[in-house]
PDB file of N, CA and C in Angstrom:
ATOM      1  N   MET A   1      84.886  11.807 -70.047  1.00  0.00           N
ATOM      2  CA  MET A   1      85.440  10.870 -68.776  1.00  0.00           C
ATOM      3  C   MET A   1      84.324  11.444 -68.261  1.00  0.00           C
ATOM      4  N   ALA A   2      83.689  10.019 -68.297  1.00  0.00           N
ATOM      5  CA  ALA A   2      82.175   9.945 -67.115  1.00  0.00           C
ATOM      6  C   ALA A   2      82.488   9.797 -66.174  1.00  0.00           C
ATOM      7  N   ASN A   3      81.900  10.279 -64.972  1.00  0.00           N
ATOM      8  CA  ASN A   3      82.214   9.927 -63.563  1.00  0.00           C
ATOM      9  C   ASN A   3      80.360   9.056 -62.830  1.00  0.00           C
ATOM     10  N   VAL A   4      80.860   8.202 -62.654  1.00  0.00           N
ATOM     11  CA  VAL A   4      79.724   7.094 -62.498  1.00  0.00           C
ATOM     12  C   VAL A   4      79.590   7.161 -60.948  1.00  0.00           C
ATOM     13  N   ILE A   5      78.555   7.363 -60.537  1.00  0.00           N
ATOM     14  CA  ILE A   5      78.087   7.465 -59.100  1.00  0.00           C
ATOM     15  C   ILE A   5      77.576   6.375 -58.823  1.00  0.00           C
ATOM     16  N   SER A   6      77.797   5.928 -57.482  1.00  0.00           N
ATOM     17  CA  SER A   6      77.701   4.253 -57.112  1.00  0.00           C
ATOM     18  C   SER A   6      75.890   4.894 -56.212  1.00  0.00           C
ATOM     19  N   ASP A   7      75.141   3.426 -56.047  1.00  0.00           N
ATOM     20  CA  ASP A   7      73.921   3.578 -55.169  1.00  0.00           C
ATOM     21  C   ASP A   7      74.532   4.342 -53.647  1.00  0.00           C
ATOM     22  N   GLU A   8      75.513   3.437 -53.414  1.00  0.00           N
ATOM     23  CA  GLU A   8      75.793   4.243 -52.131  1.00  0.00           C
ATOM     24  C   GLU A   8      76.378   5.401 -51.617  1.00  0.00           C
ATOM     25  N   THR A   9      76.767   6.330 -53.027  1.00  0.00           N
ATOM     26  CA  THR A   9      77.241   7.372 -52.906  1.00  0.00           C
ATOM     27  C   THR A   9      75.704   8.338 -52.481  1.00  0.00           C
ATOM     28  N   ILE A  10      74.725   7.969 -53.811  1.00  0.00           N
ATOM     29  CA  ILE A  10      73.190   8.546 -53.789  1.00  0.00           C
ATOM     30  C   ILE A  10      73.125   8.326 -52.350  1.00  0.00           C
ATOM     31  N   GLU A  11      72.898   7.166 -51.778  1.00  0.00           N
ATOM     32  CA  GLU A  11      72.280   6.975 -50.346  1.00  0.00           C
ATOM     33  C   GLU A  11      72.767   8.038 -49.506  1.00  0.00           C
ATOM     34  N   TYR A  12      73.910   7.640 -49.109  1.00  0.00           N
ATOM     35  CA  TYR A  12      74.747   8.880 -48.685  1.00  0.00           C
ATOM     36  C   TYR A  12      74.431  10.294 -48.770  1.00  0.00           C
ATOM     37  N   VAL A  13      74.413  10.918 -49.672  1.00  0.00           N
ATOM     38  CA  VAL A  13      73.899  12.264 -50.193  1.00  0.00           C
ATOM     39  C   VAL A  13      72.510  12.498 -49.411  1.00  0.00           C
ATOM     40  N   GLY A  14      71.562  11.345 -49.614  1.00  0.00           N
ATOM     41  CA  GLY A  14      70.130  11.401 -49.612  1.00  0.00           C
ATOM     42  C   GLY A  14      70.193  11.703 -48.083  1.00  0.00           C
ATOM     43  N   ILE A  15      70.806  10.831 -47.227  1.00  0.00           N
ATOM     44  CA  ILE A  15      70.570  10.822 -45.636  1.00  0.00           C
ATOM     45  C   ILE A  15      71.445  12.277 -45.556  1.00  0.00           C
ATOM     46  N   LEU A  16      72.592  12.696 -46.030  1.00  0.00           N
ATOM     47  CA  LEU A  16      73.007  14.136 -45.210  1.00  0.00           C
ATOM     48  C   LEU A  16      71.930  15.367 -46.220  1.00  0.00           C
ATOM     49  N   ALA A  17      71.562  15.321 -46.751  1.00  0.00           N
ATOM     50  CA  ALA A  17      70.186  16.070 -47.174  1.00  0.00           C
ATOM     51  C   ALA A  17      68.660  16.122 -46.506  1.00  0.00           C
ATOM     52  N   LYS A  18      68.525  14.992 -45.797  1.00  0.00           N
ATOM     53  CA  LYS A  18      67.405  14.206 -45.470  1.00  0.00           C
ATOM     54  C   LYS A  18      66.522  14.548 -46.345  1.00  0.00           C
ATOM     55  N   LEU A  19      66.634  13.590 -47.398  1.00  0.00           N
ATOM     56  CA  LEU A  19      66.099  13.371 -48.730  1.00  0.00           C
ATOM     57  C   LEU A  19      65.320  11.882 -48.715  1.00  0.00           C
ATOM     58  N   GLU A  20      64.000  11.569 -49.153  1.00  0.00           N
ATOM     59  CA  GLU A  20      63.556  10.518 -49.605  1.00  0.00           C
ATOM     60  C   GLU A  20      63.403  10.776 -50.793  1.00  0.00           C
ATOM     61  N   LEU A  21      64.373   9.250 -51.599  1.00  0.00           N
ATOM     62  CA  LEU A  21      64.269   9.485 -52.983  1.00  0.00           C
ATOM     63  C   LEU A  21      63.889   8.512 -53.522  1.00  0.00           C
ATOM     64  N   SER A  22      62.693   8.559 -54.516  1.00  0.00           N
ATOM     65  CA  SER A  22      62.179   7.292 -54.935  1.00  0.00           C
ATOM     66  C   SER A  22      63.168   6.634 -56.510  1.00  0.00           C
ATOM     67  N   GLY A  23      63.493   5.368 -56.842  1.00  0.00           N
ATOM     68  CA  GLY A  23      64.321   4.946 -57.634  1.00  0.00           C
ATOM     69  C   GLY A  23      64.391   5.331 -58.898  1.00  0.00           C
ATOM     70  N   GLU A  24      63.419   6.269 -59.246  1.00  0.00           N
ATOM     71  CA  GLU A  24      63.756   7.206 -60.887  1.00  0.00           C
ATOM     72  C   GLU A  24      64.308   8.569 -59.925  1.00  0.00           C
ATOM     73  N   GLU A  25      63.991   8.876 -59.424  1.00  0.00           N
ATOM     74  CA  GLU A  25      65.189  10.333 -58.354  1.00  0.00           C
ATOM     75  C   GLU A  25      65.893   9.780 -58.334  1.00  0.00           C
ATOM     76  N   ARG A  26      66.280   8.803 -57.833  1.00  0.00           N
ATOM     77  CA  ARG A  26      67.688   8.246 -57.389  1.00  0.00           C
ATOM     78  C   ARG A  26      68.969   8.179 -58.604  1.00  0.00           C
ATOM     79  N   GLU A  27      67.732   7.404 -59.608  1.00  0.00           N
ATOM     80  CA  GLU A  27      68.462   7.362 -60.937  1.00  0.00           C
ATOM     81  C   GLU A  27      69.602   8.798 -61.894  1.00  0.00           C
ATOM     82  N   GLN A  28      67.733   9.538 -61.570  1.00  0.00           N
ATOM     83  CA  GLN A  28      68.244  10.925 -62.295  1.00  0.00           C
ATOM     84  C   GLN A  28      69.124  11.830 -61.127  1.00  0.00           C
ATOM     85  N   ALA A  29      69.189  11.784 -60.211  1.00  0.00           N
ATOM     86  CA  ALA A  29      70.233  12.256 -59.008  1.00  0.00           C
ATOM     87  C   ALA A  29      71.630  12.094 -59.526  1.00  0.00           C
ATOM     88  N   LYS A  30      71.722  10.582 -59.711  1.00  0.00           N
ATOM     89  CA  LYS A  30      73.200   9.936 -60.577  1.00  0.00           C
ATOM     90  C   LYS A  30      73.353  10.260 -61.749  1.00  0.00           C
ATOM     91  N   LYS A  31      72.855  10.635 -62.359  1.00  0.00           N
ATOM     92  CA  LYS A  31      72.984  11.453 -63.608  1.00  0.00           C
ATOM     93  C   LYS A  31      73.076  12.872 -63.631  1.00  0.00           C
ATOM     94  N   ASP A  32      72.904  12.956 -62.634  1.00  0.00           N
ATOM     95  CA  ASP A  32      73.114  14.698 -62.577  1.00  0.00           C
ATOM     96  C   ASP A  32      73.972  14.988 -61.891  1.00  0.00           C
ATOM     97  N   MET A  33      74.490  14.261 -60.581  1.00  0.00           N
ATOM     98  CA  MET A  33      75.537  14.130 -60.335  1.00  0.00           C
ATOM     99  C   MET A  33      76.894  14.017 -60.599  1.00  0.00           C
ATOM    100  N   GLY A  34      76.841  13.098 -61.370  1.00  0.00           N
ATOM    101  CA  GLY A  34      77.640  12.379 -62.725  1.00  0.00           C
ATOM    102  C   GLY A  34      77.909  14.021 -63.912  1.00  0.00           C
ATOM    103  N   ARG A  35      77.339  14.453 -64.102  1.00  0.00           N
ATOM    104  CA  ARG A  35      77.188  15.571 -65.149  1.00  0.00           C
ATOM    105  C   ARG A  35      77.936  16.829 -64.389  1.00  0.00           C
ATOM    106  N   MET A  36      78.070  16.915 -62.988  1.00  0.00           N
ATOM    107  CA  MET A  36      77.887  18.089 -62.208  1.00  0.00           C
ATOM    108  C   MET A  36      79.662  17.313 -61.820  1.00  0.00           C
ATOM    109  N   LEU A  37      79.853  16.309 -62.086  1.00  0.00           N
ATOM    110  CA  LEU A  37      81.556  16.011 -61.893  1.00  0.00           C
ATOM    111  C   LEU A  37      82.514  16.217 -63.079  1.00  0.00           C
ATOM    112  N   ASP A  38      81.249  15.861 -64.186  1.00  0.00           N
ATOM    113  CA  ASP A  38      82.169  15.894 -65.241  1.00  0.00           C
ATOM    114  C   ASP A  38      82.534  17.589 -65.803  1.00  0.00           C
ATOM    115  N   TYR A  39      81.905  18.347 -65.662  1.00  0.00           N
ATOM    116  CA  TYR A  39      81.750  19.313 -65.836  1.00  0.00           C
ATOM    117  C   TYR A  39      83.568  19.914 -64.429  1.00  0.00           C
ATOM    118  N   ILE A  40      82.996  19.438 -63.474  1.00  0.00           N
ATOM    119  CA  ILE A  40      84.430  19.754 -62.701  1.00  0.00           C
ATOM    120  C   ILE A  40      85.567  19.377 -63.312  1.00  0.00           C
ATOM    121  N   ASP A  41      85.665  18.561 -63.411  1.00  0.00           N
ATOM    122  CA  ASP A  41      86.885  17.142 -64.676  1.00  0.00           C
ATOM    123  C   ASP A  41      87.161  18.218 -65.127  1.00  0.00           C
ATOM    124  N   LYS A  42      86.221  18.903 -66.022  1.00  0.00           N
ATOM    125  CA  LYS A  42      86.385  20.129 -67.408  1.00  0.00           C
ATOM    126  C   LYS A  42      87.058  21.046 -66.654  1.00  0.00           C
ATOM    127  N   LEU A  43      86.912  21.828 -66.021  1.00  0.00           N
ATOM    128  CA  LEU A  43      86.871  22.878 -65.385  1.00  0.00           C
ATOM    129  C   LEU A  43      88.208  22.652 -64.762  1.00  0.00           C
ATOM    130  N   ASN A  44      88.981  21.833 -64.212  1.00  0.00           N
ATOM    131  CA  ASN A  44      89.999  21.228 -63.570  1.00  0.00           C
ATOM    132  C   ASN A  44      91.326  21.525 -64.763  1.00  0.00           C
ATOM    133  N   GLU A  45      90.523  21.214 -66.090  1.00  0.00           N
ATOM    134  CA  GLU A  45      91.644  21.243 -67.164  1.00  0.00           C
ATOM    135  C   GLU A  45      92.383  22.382 -67.849  1.00  0.00           C
ATOM    136  N   LEU A  46      91.610  23.491 -67.058  1.00  0.00           N
ATOM    137  CA  LEU A  46      92.151  25.090 -67.621  1.00  0.00           C
ATOM    138  C   LEU A  46      93.244  24.948 -66.980  1.00  0.00           C
ATOM    139  N   ASP A  47      93.977  26.210 -67.546  1.00  0.00           N
ATOM    140  CA  ASP A  47      95.105  26.291 -67.196  1.00  0.00           C
ATOM    141  C   ASP A  47      95.175  27.790 -66.497  1.00  0.00           C
ATOM    142  N   THR A  48      95.087  27.979 -64.959  1.00  0.00           N
ATOM    143  CA  THR A  48      94.837  28.982 -64.496  1.00  0.00           C
ATOM    144  C   THR A  48      95.956  29.445 -63.519  1.00  0.00           C
ATOM    145  N   THR A  49      97.094  29.404 -64.536  1.00  0.00           N
ATOM    146  CA  THR A  49      98.411  29.645 -63.701  1.00  0.00           C
ATOM    147  C   THR A  49      98.769  31.674 -63.871  1.00  0.00           C
ATOM    148  N   GLY A  50      98.753  32.138 -62.956  1.00  0.00           N
ATOM    149  CA  GLY A  50      98.920  33.272 -62.667  1.00  0.00           C
ATOM    150  C   GLY A  50      97.582  33.856 -62.568  1.00  0.00           C
ATOM    151  N   VAL A  51      95.993  33.080 -62.550  1.00  0.00           N
ATOM    152  CA  VAL A  51      95.229  33.756 -62.219  1.00  0.00           C
ATOM    153  C   VAL A  51      95.268  33.943 -60.894  1.00  0.00           C
ATOM    154  N   GLU A  52      94.567  34.765 -59.902  1.00  0.00           N
ATOM    155  CA  GLU A  52      94.473  35.287 -58.283  1.00  0.00           C
ATOM    156  C   GLU A  52      93.367  34.472 -57.949  1.00  0.00           C
ATOM    157  N   PRO A  53      93.202  33.820 -57.336  1.00  0.00           N
ATOM    158  CA  PRO A  53      92.379  33.134 -56.624  1.00  0.00           C
ATOM    159  C   PRO A  53      91.378  34.556 -56.119  1.00  0.00           C
ATOM    160  N   MET A  54      90.254  34.344 -56.194  1.00  0.00           N
ATOM    161  CA  MET A  54      89.157  35.238 -55.483  1.00  0.00           C
ATOM    162  C   MET A  54      87.872  34.310 -54.614  1.00  0.00           C
ATOM    163  N   SER A  55      87.316  35.718 -53.747  1.00  0.00           N
ATOM    164  CA  SER A  55      86.356  34.961 -52.941  1.00  0.00           C
ATOM    165  C   SER A  55      84.967  35.132 -53.704  1.00  0.00           C
ATOM    166  N   HIS A  56      84.755  36.611 -54.500  1.00  0.00           N
ATOM    167  CA  HIS A  56      83.820  37.176 -55.155  1.00  0.00           C
ATOM    168  C   HIS A  56      84.151  36.944 -56.535  1.00  0.00           C
ATOM    169  N   VAL A  57      82.646  37.206 -57.171  1.00  0.00           N
ATOM    170  CA  VAL A  57      82.931  37.483 -58.264  1.00  0.00           C
ATOM    171  C   VAL A  57      83.035  38.939 -58.419  1.00  0.00           C
ATOM    172  N   PHE A  58      82.370  39.447 -58.162  1.00  0.00           N
ATOM    173  CA  PHE A  58      82.104  41.028 -57.816  1.00  0.00           C
ATOM    174  C   PHE A  58      83.089  41.464 -57.164  1.00  0.00           C
ATOM    175  N   PRO A  59      83.579  43.019 -57.299  1.00  0.00           N
ATOM    176  CA  PRO A  59      84.386  43.579 -56.097  1.00  0.00           C
ATOM    177  C   PRO A  59      83.404  43.986 -55.111  1.00  0.00           C
ATOM    178  N   VAL A  60      83.992  44.050 -54.006  1.00  0.00           N
ATOM    179  CA  VAL A  60      83.403  43.687 -52.485  1.00  0.00           C
ATOM    180  C   VAL A  60      83.888  45.228 -51.679  1.00  0.00           C
ATOM    181  N   ASN A  61      83.201  46.090 -51.748  1.00  0.00           N
ATOM    182  CA  ASN A  61      84.122  47.633 -51.084  1.00  0.00           C
ATOM    183  C   ASN A  61      83.140  47.617 -49.321  1.00  0.00           C
ATOM    184  N   ASN A  62      83.962  48.495 -48.897  1.00  0.00           N
ATOM    185  CA  ASN A  62      82.917  48.503 -47.907  1.00  0.00           C
ATOM    186  C   ASN A  62      82.508  49.517 -47.672  1.00  0.00           C
ATOM    187  N   VAL A  63      81.000  49.486 -47.482  1.00  0.00           N
ATOM    188  CA  VAL A  63      80.051  50.218 -47.351  1.00  0.00           C
ATOM    189  C   VAL A  63      79.512  51.262 -46.409  1.00  0.00           C
ATOM    190  N   PHE A  64      80.437  51.025 -45.488  1.00  0.00           N
ATOM    191  CA  PHE A  64      80.404  51.792 -44.465  1.00  0.00           C
ATOM    192  C   PHE A  64      80.806  53.629 -44.678  1.00  0.00           C
ATOM    193  N   ARG A  65      79.974  54.135 -43.943  1.00  0.00           N
ATOM    194  CA  ARG A  65      80.165  55.633 -44.158  1.00  0.00           C
ATOM    195  C   ARG A  65      80.248  56.300 -43.152  1.00  0.00           C
ATOM    196  N   GLU A  66      80.712  57.424 -42.574  1.00  0.00           N
ATOM    197  CA  GLU A  66      80.799  58.365 -41.578  1.00  0.00           C
ATOM    198  C   GLU A  66      79.472  58.995 -41.214  1.00  0.00           C
ATOM    199  N   ASP A  67      79.498  58.386 -39.993  1.00  0.00           N
ATOM    200  CA  ASP A  67      77.862  58.736 -39.572  1.00  0.00           C
ATOM    201  C   ASP A  67      77.495  60.390 -38.899  1.00  0.00           C
ATOM    202  N   VAL A  68      77.478  61.179 -39.698  1.00  0.00           N
ATOM    203  CA  VAL A  68      77.505  62.832 -40.119  1.00  0.00           C
ATOM    204  C   VAL A  68      75.564  62.907 -39.949  1.00  0.00           C
ATOM    205  N   VAL A  69      75.142  63.534 -38.718  1.00  0.00           N
ATOM    206  CA  VAL A  69      73.620  64.241 -38.671  1.00  0.00           C
ATOM    207  C   VAL A  69      73.411  65.062 -39.540  1.00  0.00           C
ATOM    208  N   GLU A  70      72.441  65.229 -40.299  1.00  0.00           N
ATOM    209  CA  GLU A  70      72.088  66.058 -41.681  1.00  0.00           C
ATOM    210  C   GLU A  70      71.055  66.665 -41.285  1.00  0.00           C
ATOM    211  N   ASN A  71      70.133  66.065 -40.537  1.00  0.00           N
ATOM    212  CA  ASN A  71      68.594  66.802 -40.120  1.00  0.00           C
ATOM    213  C   ASN A  71      68.749  67.312 -38.991  1.00  0.00           C
ATOM    214  N   GLY A  72      69.433  67.200 -38.161  1.00  0.00           N
ATOM    215  CA  GLY A  72      69.412  67.844 -37.173  1.00  0.00           C
ATOM    216  C   GLY A  72      68.416  67.488 -36.015  1.00  0.00           C
ATOM    217  N   ASP A  73      68.375  68.594 -34.639  1.00  0.00           N
ATOM    218  CA  ASP A  73      67.340  67.844 -33.665  1.00  0.00           C
ATOM    219  C   ASP A  73      66.559  68.936 -33.762  1.00  0.00           C
ATOM    220  N   ASP A  74      65.485  68.201 -34.539  1.00  0.00           N
ATOM    221  CA  ASP A  74      63.951  69.092 -34.932  1.00  0.00           C
ATOM    222  C   ASP A  74      62.458  68.528 -34.065  1.00  0.00           C
ATOM    223  N   ARG A  75      62.974  68.465 -32.696  1.00  0.00           N
ATOM    224  CA  ARG A  75      61.818  67.955 -31.792  1.00  0.00           C
ATOM    225  C   ARG A  75      60.992  68.547 -31.599  1.00  0.00           C
ATOM    226  N   GLU A  76      61.113  70.420 -31.420  1.00  0.00           N
ATOM    227  CA  GLU A  76      59.830  71.344 -31.750  1.00  0.00           C
ATOM    228  C   GLU A  76      58.581  70.694 -32.802  1.00  0.00           C
ATOM    229  N   ASN A  77      59.289  70.753 -33.690  1.00  0.00           N
ATOM    230  CA  ASN A  77      58.295  70.816 -35.073  1.00  0.00           C
ATOM    231  C   ASN A  77      57.743  68.819 -35.394  1.00  0.00           C
ATOM    232  N   MET A  78      58.443  67.796 -34.370  1.00  0.00           N
ATOM    233  CA  MET A  78      57.912  66.751 -34.496  1.00  0.00           C
ATOM    234  C   MET A  78      56.749  66.713 -33.683  1.00  0.00           C
ATOM    235  N   LEU A  79      56.814  67.512 -32.266  1.00  0.00           N
ATOM    236  CA  LEU A  79      56.244  67.469 -31.117  1.00  0.00           C
ATOM    237  C   LEU A  79      54.773  67.951 -31.591  1.00  0.00           C
ATOM    238  N   LYS A  80      54.837  69.207 -32.941  1.00  0.00           N
ATOM    239  CA  LYS A  80      53.297  69.287 -33.242  1.00  0.00           C
ATOM    240  C   LYS A  80      52.550  68.924 -33.428  1.00  0.00           C
ATOM    241  N   ASN A  81      53.120  67.525 -34.046  1.00  0.00           N
ATOM    242  CA  ASN A  81      52.010  66.828 -34.779  1.00  0.00           C
ATOM    243  C   ASN A  81      51.278  65.805 -33.302  1.00  0.00           C
ATOM    244  N   ALA A  82      51.994  65.854 -32.216  1.00  0.00           N
ATOM    245  CA  ALA A  82      51.761  65.100 -31.364  1.00  0.00           C
ATOM    246  C   ALA A  82      50.251  65.363 -30.584  1.00  0.00           C
ATOM    247  N   PRO A  83      49.415  64.565 -30.254  1.00  0.00           N
ATOM    248  CA  PRO A  83      47.762  65.056 -29.707  1.00  0.00           C
ATOM    249  C   PRO A  83      47.994  65.074 -28.607  1.00  0.00           C
ATOM    250  N   GLU A  84      49.454  65.098 -27.877  1.00  0.00           N
ATOM    251  CA  GLU A  84      49.479  65.547 -26.301  1.00  0.00           C
ATOM    252  C   GLU A  84      50.533  65.327 -26.498  1.00  0.00           C
ATOM    253  N   GLN A  85      51.641  66.344 -25.678  1.00  0.00           N
ATOM    254  CA  GLN A  85      53.012  66.041 -25.263  1.00  0.00           C
ATOM    255  C   GLN A  85      52.799  66.386 -23.638  1.00  0.00           C
ATOM    256  N   LYS A  86      54.297  66.039 -23.251  1.00  0.00           N
ATOM    257  CA  LYS A  86      54.487  66.779 -21.981  1.00  0.00           C
ATOM    258  C   LYS A  86      56.478  66.577 -21.793  1.00  0.00           C
ATOM    259  N   ASP A  87      56.971  67.877 -21.069  1.00  0.00           N
ATOM    260  CA  ASP A  87      58.293  67.600 -21.021  1.00  0.00           C
ATOM    261  C   ASP A  87      58.672  67.679 -21.997  1.00  0.00           C
ATOM    262  N   GLY A  88      58.416  67.923 -23.787  1.00  0.00           N
ATOM    263  CA  GLY A  88      59.261  67.463 -24.593  1.00  0.00           C
ATOM    264  C   GLY A  88      58.886  66.660 -25.097  1.00  0.00           C
ATOM    265  N   THR A  89      57.736  65.567 -24.631  1.00  0.00           N
ATOM    266  CA  THR A  89      57.998  64.229 -25.550  1.00  0.00           C
ATOM    267  C   THR A  89      56.544  63.611 -25.580  1.00  0.00           C
ATOM    268  N   TYR A  90      56.460  62.539 -26.586  1.00  0.00           N
ATOM    269  CA  TYR A  90      54.923  62.250 -26.805  1.00  0.00           C
ATOM    270  C   TYR A  90      54.309  61.556 -25.428  1.00  0.00           C
ATOM    271  N   VAL A  91      52.800  61.910 -25.635  1.00  0.00           N
ATOM    272  CA  VAL A  91      52.235  61.212 -24.108  1.00  0.00           C
ATOM    273  C   VAL A  91      51.226  59.953 -25.191  1.00  0.00           C
ATOM    274  N   VAL A  92      51.709  59.118 -24.820  1.00  0.00           N
ATOM    275  CA  VAL A  92      50.602  58.063 -24.841  1.00  0.00           C
ATOM    276  C   VAL A  92      49.946  57.129 -24.314  1.00  0.00           C
ATOM    277  N   PRO A  93      49.306  56.604 -24.429  1.00  0.00           N
ATOM    278  CA  PRO A  93      48.094  55.913 -23.267  1.00  0.00           C
ATOM    279  C   PRO A  93      49.114  54.297 -23.101  1.00  0.00           C
ATOM    280  N   ILE A  94      48.096  54.299 -21.722  1.00  0.00           N
ATOM    281  CA  ILE A  94      49.192  53.043 -21.012  1.00  0.00           C
ATOM    282  C   ILE A  94      48.818  51.906 -21.106  1.00  0.00           C
ATOM    283  N   THR A  95      49.929  51.102 -22.139  1.00  0.00           N
ATOM    284  CA  THR A  95      49.463  49.565 -22.308  1.00  0.00           C
ATOM    285  C   THR A  95      49.520  48.397 -21.636  1.00  0.00           C
ATOM    286  N   VAL A  96      50.642  48.886 -21.090  1.00  0.00           N
ATOM    287  CA  VAL A  96      50.835  47.797 -19.655  1.00  0.00           C
ATOM    288  C   VAL A  96      50.901  48.386 -18.276  1.00  0.00           C
ATOM    289  N   GLU A  97      50.312  47.776 -17.191  1.00  0.00           N
ATOM    290  CA  GLU A  97      50.237  48.460 -15.906  1.00  0.00           C
ATOM    291  C   GLU A  97      50.517  47.272 -15.222  1.00  0.00           C
TER     292      GLU A  97
END
């Protein structure tokens, strides 16, 4: 079952995809699109009775987890590395005046 793609169809697809195809590229695109449609026709011949539709090939699970603090507030140790500190915060040079 060979699907024949017209020049008008290729022109339209080229416009939608914002492609400028040369004559040779246009002919190759017609062949490629025909092969894709032939493959889809072949897939349509399969008996999918009882096969549930799916949105993903792989199972998709919720990856969220409970937000639990594990390392706690270790402000004192973090501030030990600060070259300068004031009232429990880092002191940095002024960058905006």
